[in-house]
Amino acid sequence: GQVLEQPEFHVLCQAIVSGCAKFDNFSIVNCLYAAAALGLPGESPLVRVLEDESRSRLGRFNQKDVSMVFSSEANNKALEAIFSSQLFYENRQERFIRSMAEWLPRKAENLTPYTMALIAKYVARHRLREPRLLDTIANFLLKRGEQLDSKVIQKLVFPFSRMNYRPSNHGELFPKLEAILEQKAGSSPLATVNILMSMFQLSHFPQTVLHQVFSPGFITNVMSSPYALIVRRYLSLLDAAVELEFREYSGPRLDPRYRVLMFEHALTADEANRKYSYKGLVAEALRQLVGEECYRQDEVLPPGYCTDFLLWINRSGTVLPLSRVPAASRAPPATSPVTMSLRSSVLALTSDLQDFAPVVLSVNDKWHYCQNSDILVGSRAMRDRHLRLLGYCLVQLPYTELEKVSGIEEA
């Protein structure tokens, strides 16, 4: 604090502001993170000028130099500043993350939960499936979990489901999380159902916690809260997952009055990236091959999964026009999440399989996978499991194959 008040320091800052356009890249980054380590606020003129200059040069930064600076500043305060930086958060620094995975386990015990949550948020945003880093977060959670509130636990757990990754300590961690949730389920209902969703995506089903979240007391508490609808959506999907994947469960279930579709349209990420998607390419191919009367695009199926393309194929392999598919099978009733159990829907669907089968073409774009990996993110993987259990035949169309067809395969 005393350094920041010294006249000489203010003169130095002014000199950097005036001359940073002439600095080399390493000096710019060094100054920026030295400022972060000193605790200069993000709105200070020095930090604003350095971030603006960094943003203009980002494509020319030497990743090795950036990583060296980051790792040399790697105390809790500096890491908090780094991962709080919008400039850093918006841009994927894979080399730095790989480097950090090597030294973070040795320093993790000195980090605050807030800083570790920032790291978890960054890793999840950029879909960086770095096992050593994820295991470090898991070990931190195992040691500190009982002292953390549900909202922080939610942030630390999310990268595991996002990257479809069971930490190496999951045999200890998951029971510990169950015990914590049993105690804290009612303190933050939204965080509780988010943590449950992460565990479900990893095929772990905490029975005692389910008893709580499906209890009348929990539901009543949720329904009077400002986030009632989103919690109802999560509980509806959790209830569907119990029916499809946790058949031995015999506890309370979600009251049918509260069941809603998890999603009523395409996911936000898919909508935002639509212009980069290969769905247009596949749609055009289907139009030419089978005609628009033989498929549906962006059909939402109970319990609320948006499908890219839905077709019906008979036993001889012919794609049927929708007019030849019984209406009950072609489009599940809009009320089905409320008035029918999923198991009833499955029976109704599969009773017609002697004549035809429903096929979902799944266009797996780049953002459906972990970065530089063929592993689907957890939400996509669970969607696929559930659609198969519902009787749909899934045909995966990975972007790597579609790139070859479109002639723009990445180098």
Protein backbone atom coordinates (compact mmCIF):
# COMPACT_ATOMS: atom_id res chain seq x y z
CA GLY A 1 0.00 0.00 0.00
CA GLN A 2 2.85 2.41 0.84
CA VAL A 3 4.49 1.85 -2.54
CA LEU A 4 1.33 2.93 -4.35
CA GLU A 5 1.36 6.26 -2.49
CA GLN A 6 4.95 7.17 -3.34
CA PRO A 7 5.41 10.11 -5.79
CA GLU A 8 8.04 8.11 -7.65
CA PHE A 9 5.51 5.34 -8.28
CA HIS A 10 3.03 7.82 -9.78
CA VAL A 11 5.77 9.19 -12.05
CA LEU A 12 6.58 5.63 -13.14
CA CYS A 13 2.92 4.89 -13.88
CA GLN A 14 2.60 8.05 -15.95
CA ALA A 15 5.72 7.15 -17.91
CA ILE A 16 4.30 3.68 -18.67
CA VAL A 17 0.96 5.18 -19.75
CA SER A 18 2.74 7.61 -22.06
CA GLY A 19 5.20 5.17 -23.58
CA CYS A 20 3.61 1.72 -23.52
CA ALA A 21 2.81 1.82 -27.24
CA LYS A 22 6.60 1.61 -27.81
CA PHE A 23 7.13 -1.34 -25.42
CA ASP A 24 7.73 -4.85 -26.70
CA ASN A 25 5.11 -7.51 -26.01
CA PHE A 26 6.92 -9.06 -23.06
CA SER A 27 7.24 -5.68 -21.34
CA ILE A 28 3.54 -4.95 -21.86
CA VAL A 29 2.47 -8.24 -20.30
CA ASN A 30 5.06 -7.89 -17.53
CA CYS A 31 3.77 -4.42 -16.62
CA LEU A 32 0.15 -5.57 -16.73
CA TYR A 33 0.60 -8.43 -14.32
CA ALA A 34 3.02 -6.55 -12.11
CA ALA A 35 0.18 -4.03 -11.76
CA ALA A 36 -2.18 -6.90 -10.98
CA ALA A 37 0.19 -8.30 -8.35
CA LEU A 38 0.41 -4.86 -6.73
CA GLY A 39 -3.36 -4.78 -6.52
CA LEU A 40 -4.01 -1.82 -8.80
CA PRO A 41 -7.77 -1.57 -9.50
CA GLY A 42 -8.99 -2.52 -12.95
CA GLU A 43 -10.36 0.99 -13.55
CA SER A 44 -7.02 2.71 -12.91
CA PRO A 45 -5.59 4.57 -15.94
CA LEU A 46 -2.46 2.38 -15.97
CA VAL A 47 -4.36 -0.92 -16.05
CA ARG A 48 -6.86 0.37 -18.64
CA VAL A 49 -4.10 1.54 -20.99
CA LEU A 50 -2.12 -1.69 -20.59
CA GLU A 51 -5.19 -3.87 -21.18
CA ASP A 52 -6.16 -1.87 -24.27
CA GLU A 53 -2.62 -2.21 -25.64
CA SER A 54 -2.57 -5.92 -24.79
CA ARG A 55 -5.91 -6.49 -26.49
CA SER A 56 -4.67 -4.83 -29.68
CA ARG A 57 -1.60 -7.11 -29.72
CA LEU A 58 -3.14 -10.33 -28.44
CA GLY A 59 -2.62 -12.24 -31.67
CA ARG A 60 1.10 -11.39 -31.64
CA PHE A 61 1.81 -12.35 -28.03
CA ASN A 62 4.44 -14.99 -27.48
CA GLN A 63 2.67 -17.70 -25.48
CA LYS A 64 5.88 -18.84 -23.81
CA ASP A 65 6.66 -15.34 -22.54
CA VAL A 66 3.10 -14.89 -21.31
CA SER A 67 3.25 -18.21 -19.47
CA MET A 68 6.56 -17.31 -17.84
CA VAL A 69 5.18 -14.05 -16.52
CA PHE A 70 1.99 -15.69 -15.27
CA SER A 71 3.79 -18.50 -13.46
CA SER A 72 6.36 -16.15 -11.89
CA GLU A 73 3.47 -14.12 -10.41
CA ALA A 74 1.59 -17.16 -9.21
CA ASN A 75 0.68 -16.26 -5.66
CA ASN A 76 -2.97 -16.12 -4.64
CA LYS A 77 -3.32 -12.38 -5.16
CA ALA A 78 -1.76 -12.47 -8.62
CA LEU A 79 -3.79 -15.50 -9.72
CA GLU A 80 -6.96 -13.81 -8.54
CA ALA A 81 -6.05 -10.72 -10.55
CA ILE A 82 -5.15 -12.76 -13.63
CA PHE A 83 -8.33 -14.83 -13.66
CA SER A 84 -10.44 -11.75 -12.83
CA SER A 85 -9.08 -9.97 -15.90
CA GLN A 86 -11.66 -9.80 -18.68
CA LEU A 87 -8.82 -9.80 -21.20
CA PHE A 88 -7.51 -13.11 -19.88
CA TYR A 89 -10.97 -14.61 -19.33
CA GLU A 90 -12.07 -14.00 -22.91
CA ASN A 91 -9.01 -15.64 -24.47
CA ARG A 92 -7.91 -19.25 -24.24
CA GLN A 93 -4.36 -19.67 -22.92
CA GLU A 94 -3.80 -23.40 -23.34
CA ARG A 95 -0.04 -23.34 -22.88
CA PHE A 96 -0.37 -21.41 -19.65
CA ILE A 97 -3.04 -23.83 -18.38
CA ARG A 98 -0.81 -26.82 -19.17
CA SER A 99 2.07 -25.12 -17.36
CA MET A 100 -0.15 -24.18 -14.43
CA ALA A 101 -1.33 -27.80 -14.11
CA GLU A 102 2.25 -28.72 -13.19
CA TRP A 103 2.82 -26.19 -10.40
CA LEU A 104 -0.70 -25.46 -9.12
CA PRO A 105 -0.98 -28.67 -7.03
CA ARG A 106 1.96 -27.45 -4.92
CA LYS A 107 0.38 -24.03 -4.34
CA ALA A 108 -3.30 -24.93 -4.14
CA GLU A 109 -3.47 -25.05 -0.34
CA ASN A 110 -2.50 -21.36 -0.24
CA LEU A 111 -5.30 -20.28 -2.57
CA THR A 112 -8.62 -18.89 -1.40
CA PRO A 113 -11.88 -20.57 -2.48
CA TYR A 114 -12.67 -17.43 -4.49
CA THR A 115 -9.46 -17.74 -6.52
CA MET A 116 -9.94 -21.47 -7.09
CA ALA A 117 -13.52 -20.77 -8.23
CA LEU A 118 -12.18 -18.24 -10.76
CA ILE A 119 -9.78 -20.86 -12.12
CA ALA A 120 -12.62 -23.40 -12.33
CA LYS A 121 -14.81 -20.89 -14.18
CA TYR A 122 -12.05 -20.19 -16.71
CA VAL A 123 -11.33 -23.88 -17.34
CA ALA A 124 -15.05 -24.57 -17.82
CA ARG A 125 -15.60 -21.62 -20.15
CA HIS A 126 -12.82 -22.74 -22.49
CA ARG A 127 -13.61 -26.48 -22.13
CA LEU A 128 -10.02 -27.26 -21.13
CA ARG A 129 -9.95 -30.92 -20.11
CA GLU A 130 -6.65 -30.87 -18.24
CA PRO A 131 -6.82 -33.83 -15.79
CA ARG A 132 -4.08 -32.59 -13.43
CA LEU A 133 -5.78 -29.24 -13.05
CA LEU A 134 -9.22 -30.77 -12.59
CA ASP A 135 -7.83 -33.18 -10.00
CA THR A 136 -6.27 -30.24 -8.16
CA ILE A 137 -9.69 -28.57 -7.96
CA ALA A 138 -11.17 -31.87 -6.77
CA ASN A 139 -8.54 -32.28 -4.03
CA PHE A 140 -9.12 -28.68 -2.93
CA LEU A 141 -12.84 -29.41 -2.74
CA LEU A 142 -12.30 -32.62 -0.78
CA LYS A 143 -10.18 -30.82 1.83
CA ARG A 144 -12.18 -27.61 2.11
CA GLY A 145 -15.70 -28.62 1.11
CA GLU A 146 -17.20 -28.58 4.59
CA GLN A 147 -16.17 -24.95 5.10
CA LEU A 148 -17.61 -23.78 1.77
CA ASP A 149 -21.14 -22.64 1.02
CA SER A 150 -23.16 -24.35 -1.70
CA LYS A 151 -22.67 -21.55 -4.22
CA VAL A 152 -18.88 -21.92 -4.12
CA ILE A 153 -19.10 -25.73 -4.26
CA GLN A 154 -21.32 -25.40 -7.33
CA LYS A 155 -18.62 -23.35 -9.10
CA LEU A 156 -15.90 -25.85 -8.21
CA VAL A 157 -17.93 -28.91 -9.26
CA PHE A 158 -19.13 -27.53 -12.59
CA PRO A 159 -15.86 -28.09 -14.55
CA PHE A 160 -16.06 -31.84 -13.87
CA SER A 161 -19.45 -32.23 -15.55
CA ARG A 162 -18.65 -29.66 -18.20
CA MET A 163 -15.58 -31.68 -19.23
CA ASN A 164 -17.31 -35.03 -18.64
CA TYR A 165 -14.51 -35.90 -16.21
CA ARG A 166 -14.69 -37.99 -13.06
CA PRO A 167 -11.87 -36.78 -10.79
CA SER A 168 -9.37 -39.41 -9.68
CA ASN A 169 -10.62 -38.97 -6.09
CA HIS A 170 -14.32 -39.29 -6.98
CA GLY A 171 -14.66 -42.33 -4.71
CA GLU A 172 -14.02 -40.02 -1.74
CA LEU A 173 -15.24 -36.73 -3.18
CA PHE A 174 -18.73 -37.70 -4.28
CA PRO A 175 -19.79 -39.18 -0.90
CA LYS A 176 -18.35 -36.08 0.79
CA LEU A 177 -20.41 -33.85 -1.50
CA GLU A 178 -23.51 -35.91 -0.75
CA ALA A 179 -22.99 -35.44 2.99
CA ILE A 180 -22.49 -31.69 2.56
CA LEU A 181 -25.60 -31.37 0.38
CA GLU A 182 -27.67 -33.27 2.93
CA GLN A 183 -26.84 -30.54 5.43
CA LYS A 184 -27.06 -27.54 3.12
CA ALA A 185 -29.67 -28.50 0.50
CA GLY A 186 -32.20 -25.91 1.67
CA SER A 187 -29.80 -23.01 2.15
CA SER A 188 -29.35 -22.43 -1.59
CA PRO A 189 -31.81 -24.53 -3.64
CA LEU A 190 -30.51 -23.34 -7.02
CA ALA A 191 -26.91 -24.24 -6.13
CA THR A 192 -28.09 -27.60 -4.79
CA VAL A 193 -29.86 -28.61 -8.01
CA ASN A 194 -26.89 -27.37 -10.06
CA ILE A 195 -24.53 -29.61 -8.07
CA LEU A 196 -26.95 -32.51 -8.45
CA MET A 197 -27.11 -31.92 -12.21
CA SER A 198 -23.30 -32.04 -12.42
CA MET A 199 -23.27 -35.34 -10.54
CA PHE A 200 -26.06 -36.79 -12.70
CA GLN A 201 -24.17 -35.86 -15.85
CA LEU A 202 -21.30 -37.97 -14.48
CA SER A 203 -23.75 -40.85 -13.79
CA HIS A 204 -23.62 -40.46 -10.03
CA PHE A 205 -27.01 -40.44 -8.29
CA PRO A 206 -27.05 -39.32 -4.62
CA GLN A 207 -30.15 -41.01 -3.26
CA THR A 208 -30.45 -39.26 0.11
CA VAL A 209 -30.18 -35.81 -1.46
CA LEU A 210 -32.87 -36.73 -3.99
CA HIS A 211 -35.18 -37.53 -1.09
CA GLN A 212 -34.68 -33.94 0.06
CA VAL A 213 -35.04 -32.06 -3.22
CA PHE A 214 -38.20 -33.96 -4.17
CA SER A 215 -39.71 -33.44 -0.70
CA PRO A 216 -42.80 -31.18 -0.31
CA GLY A 217 -40.86 -28.81 1.98
CA PHE A 218 -38.08 -28.22 -0.58
CA ILE A 219 -40.58 -27.77 -3.42
CA THR A 220 -42.69 -25.31 -1.41
CA ASN A 221 -39.58 -23.30 -0.57
CA VAL A 222 -38.54 -23.24 -4.24
CA MET A 223 -41.94 -22.26 -5.61
CA SER A 224 -41.96 -19.06 -3.56
CA SER A 225 -38.49 -18.01 -4.73
CA PRO A 226 -37.56 -15.72 -7.66
CA TYR A 227 -35.76 -18.59 -9.39
CA ALA A 228 -38.72 -20.98 -9.21
CA LEU A 229 -38.93 -21.66 -12.96
CA ILE A 230 -35.26 -22.50 -13.49
CA VAL A 231 -35.27 -24.82 -10.45
CA ARG A 232 -38.44 -26.49 -11.77
CA ARG A 233 -36.67 -27.06 -15.09
CA TYR A 234 -33.68 -28.63 -13.35
CA LEU A 235 -35.86 -30.76 -11.07
CA SER A 236 -37.89 -31.94 -14.07
CA LEU A 237 -34.74 -33.09 -15.87
CA LEU A 238 -33.38 -34.70 -12.69
CA ASP A 239 -36.71 -36.51 -12.27
CA ALA A 240 -36.50 -37.75 -15.87
CA ALA A 241 -32.92 -38.91 -15.32
CA VAL A 242 -34.00 -40.86 -12.23
CA GLU A 243 -36.65 -42.64 -14.27
CA LEU A 244 -34.30 -43.44 -17.12
CA GLU A 245 -31.01 -44.17 -15.34
CA PHE A 246 -31.65 -44.76 -11.63
CA ARG A 247 -34.31 -47.43 -11.78
CA GLU A 248 -33.56 -48.80 -8.29
CA TYR A 249 -34.51 -45.47 -6.70
CA SER A 250 -37.72 -45.81 -4.65
CA GLY A 251 -37.93 -42.43 -2.89
CA PRO A 252 -40.17 -39.43 -3.59
CA ARG A 253 -40.41 -38.05 -7.11
CA LEU A 254 -41.29 -34.66 -8.51
CA ASP A 255 -45.01 -33.97 -8.33
CA PRO A 256 -46.31 -34.14 -11.95
CA ARG A 257 -47.90 -30.70 -11.46
CA TYR A 258 -44.43 -29.15 -11.43
CA ARG A 259 -42.92 -30.98 -14.41
CA VAL A 260 -41.89 -28.75 -17.31
CA LEU A 261 -39.59 -29.10 -20.31
CA MET A 262 -35.97 -28.44 -19.41
CA PHE A 263 -35.51 -26.55 -22.69
CA GLU A 264 -38.18 -25.35 -25.07
CA HIS A 265 -35.83 -24.46 -27.93
CA ALA A 266 -32.19 -24.77 -29.01
CA LEU A 267 -29.55 -24.03 -26.39
CA THR A 268 -28.21 -20.49 -26.11
CA ALA A 269 -24.71 -21.60 -27.16
CA ASP A 270 -26.12 -23.32 -30.26
CA GLU A 271 -28.15 -20.24 -31.19
CA ALA A 272 -25.18 -17.90 -30.64
CA ASN A 273 -22.92 -20.09 -32.78
CA ARG A 274 -25.50 -20.99 -35.42
CA LYS A 275 -23.56 -19.27 -38.20
CA TYR A 276 -20.53 -21.45 -37.36
CA SER A 277 -22.55 -24.66 -37.16
CA TYR A 278 -22.62 -27.46 -39.70
CA LYS A 279 -26.39 -27.83 -39.24
CA GLY A 280 -27.00 -25.74 -42.35
CA LEU A 281 -24.79 -28.08 -44.39
CA VAL A 282 -26.63 -31.15 -43.08
CA ALA A 283 -30.04 -29.53 -43.60
CA GLU A 284 -29.22 -28.79 -47.24
CA ALA A 285 -28.02 -32.36 -47.76
CA LEU A 286 -31.24 -33.73 -46.25
CA ARG A 287 -33.36 -31.44 -48.40
CA GLN A 288 -31.66 -32.80 -51.51
CA LEU A 289 -31.57 -36.44 -50.42
CA VAL A 290 -34.95 -37.04 -48.77
CA GLY A 291 -36.92 -33.80 -49.04
CA GLU A 292 -38.20 -31.45 -46.35
CA GLU A 293 -41.31 -33.58 -45.79
CA CYS A 294 -39.16 -36.40 -44.34
CA TYR A 295 -37.46 -34.76 -41.36
CA ARG A 296 -37.90 -32.22 -38.63
CA GLN A 297 -35.24 -29.77 -37.53
CA ASP A 298 -34.77 -28.48 -33.94
CA GLU A 299 -37.53 -30.72 -32.58
CA VAL A 300 -37.73 -30.59 -28.77
CA LEU A 301 -38.39 -34.01 -27.23
CA PRO A 302 -39.36 -34.72 -23.62
CA PRO A 303 -37.82 -34.18 -21.13
CA GLY A 304 -36.70 -31.10 -23.07
CA TYR A 305 -33.87 -32.05 -25.40
CA CYS A 306 -33.52 -30.18 -28.68
CA THR A 307 -32.64 -32.55 -31.49
CA ASP A 308 -30.85 -31.37 -34.61
CA PHE A 309 -32.73 -33.58 -37.09
CA LEU A 310 -35.42 -36.19 -36.45
CA LEU A 311 -36.28 -38.79 -39.10
CA TRP A 312 -38.29 -42.00 -39.23
CA ILE A 313 -36.92 -45.06 -41.04
CA ASN A 314 -38.74 -48.31 -41.78
CA ARG A 315 -37.33 -51.81 -41.55
CA SER A 316 -36.02 -51.72 -45.11
CA GLY A 317 -34.03 -48.53 -44.40
CA THR A 318 -36.33 -46.13 -46.23
CA VAL A 319 -36.82 -42.65 -44.76
CA LEU A 320 -40.55 -42.12 -44.35
CA PRO A 321 -42.45 -38.91 -45.05
CA LEU A 322 -43.86 -37.54 -41.81
CA SER A 323 -47.36 -37.96 -43.22
CA ARG A 324 -46.86 -41.75 -43.07
CA VAL A 325 -45.76 -41.76 -39.43
CA PRO A 326 -48.59 -41.98 -36.84
CA ALA A 327 -49.05 -38.60 -35.20
CA ALA A 328 -48.66 -40.03 -31.69
CA SER A 329 -45.18 -41.31 -32.54
CA ARG A 330 -44.17 -38.44 -34.80
CA ALA A 331 -44.54 -35.69 -32.20
CA PRO A 332 -44.91 -36.34 -28.47
CA PRO A 333 -47.91 -34.41 -27.07
CA ALA A 334 -47.06 -30.98 -25.68
CA THR A 335 -48.50 -32.05 -22.33
CA SER A 336 -46.43 -35.22 -22.04
CA PRO A 337 -43.98 -33.88 -19.40
CA VAL A 338 -46.98 -33.20 -17.16
CA THR A 339 -49.50 -35.92 -17.91
CA MET A 340 -47.36 -38.89 -18.94
CA SER A 341 -44.38 -40.60 -17.38
CA LEU A 342 -41.33 -40.95 -19.58
CA ARG A 343 -41.59 -44.69 -19.29
CA SER A 344 -45.08 -44.54 -20.79
CA SER A 345 -43.68 -42.40 -23.61
CA VAL A 346 -40.99 -45.00 -24.25
CA LEU A 347 -43.53 -47.80 -24.38
CA ALA A 348 -45.69 -45.85 -26.80
CA LEU A 349 -42.67 -45.12 -28.98
CA THR A 350 -41.17 -48.60 -29.02
CA SER A 351 -44.49 -50.32 -29.70
CA ASP A 352 -44.22 -48.99 -33.26
CA LEU A 353 -40.62 -50.10 -33.81
CA GLN A 354 -41.76 -53.24 -35.59
CA ASP A 355 -42.68 -50.96 -38.49
CA PHE A 356 -40.30 -47.98 -38.20
CA ALA A 357 -37.66 -46.44 -35.95
CA PRO A 358 -37.01 -42.83 -34.91
CA VAL A 359 -33.53 -41.60 -35.80
CA VAL A 360 -31.83 -38.49 -34.43
CA LEU A 361 -29.02 -36.99 -36.48
CA SER A 362 -26.78 -35.26 -33.97
CA VAL A 363 -24.61 -32.52 -35.48
CA ASN A 364 -21.73 -32.29 -33.00
CA ASP A 365 -20.08 -28.93 -33.57
CA LYS A 366 -16.74 -27.94 -32.06
CA TRP A 367 -18.28 -26.40 -28.92
CA HIS A 368 -20.02 -29.69 -28.10
CA TYR A 369 -16.60 -31.22 -27.35
CA CYS A 370 -13.90 -30.55 -24.82
CA GLN A 371 -11.13 -28.45 -26.37
CA ASN A 372 -8.87 -30.46 -28.70
CA SER A 373 -10.68 -33.66 -27.78
CA ASP A 374 -13.26 -36.11 -29.09
CA ILE A 375 -14.97 -36.21 -25.67
CA LEU A 376 -18.42 -34.61 -25.61
CA VAL A 377 -19.17 -32.11 -22.84
CA GLY A 378 -21.20 -33.60 -20.00
CA SER A 379 -24.58 -32.07 -20.87
CA ARG A 380 -24.36 -33.35 -24.46
CA ALA A 381 -23.26 -36.80 -23.31
CA MET A 382 -26.21 -37.07 -20.89
CA ARG A 383 -28.61 -35.91 -23.59
CA ASP A 384 -27.35 -38.69 -25.87
CA ARG A 385 -27.70 -41.32 -23.12
CA HIS A 386 -31.26 -40.26 -22.41
CA LEU A 387 -32.34 -40.16 -26.05
CA ARG A 388 -31.04 -43.71 -26.54
CA LEU A 389 -32.87 -44.86 -23.41
CA LEU A 390 -36.01 -43.22 -24.80
CA GLY A 391 -35.77 -45.45 -27.87
CA TYR A 392 -34.18 -43.12 -30.40
CA CYS A 393 -31.36 -44.29 -32.64
CA LEU A 394 -28.58 -41.68 -32.58
CA VAL A 395 -26.34 -41.04 -35.57
CA GLN A 396 -23.38 -38.86 -34.58
CA LEU A 397 -22.07 -36.36 -37.13
CA PRO A 398 -18.83 -34.94 -35.65
CA TYR A 399 -17.57 -31.62 -36.97
CA THR A 400 -14.22 -33.21 -37.85
CA GLU A 401 -15.97 -35.39 -40.43
CA LEU A 402 -18.24 -32.60 -41.65
CA GLU A 403 -15.18 -30.38 -42.19
CA LYS A 404 -13.86 -32.93 -44.68
CA VAL A 405 -17.15 -32.97 -46.54
CA SER A 406 -17.32 -29.18 -46.72
CA GLY A 407 -13.66 -28.88 -47.73
CA ILE A 408 -12.54 -26.66 -44.88
CA GLU A 409 -10.72 -29.17 -42.73
CA GLU A 410 -8.51 -27.46 -40.16
CA ALA A 411 -4.77 -27.59 -40.63
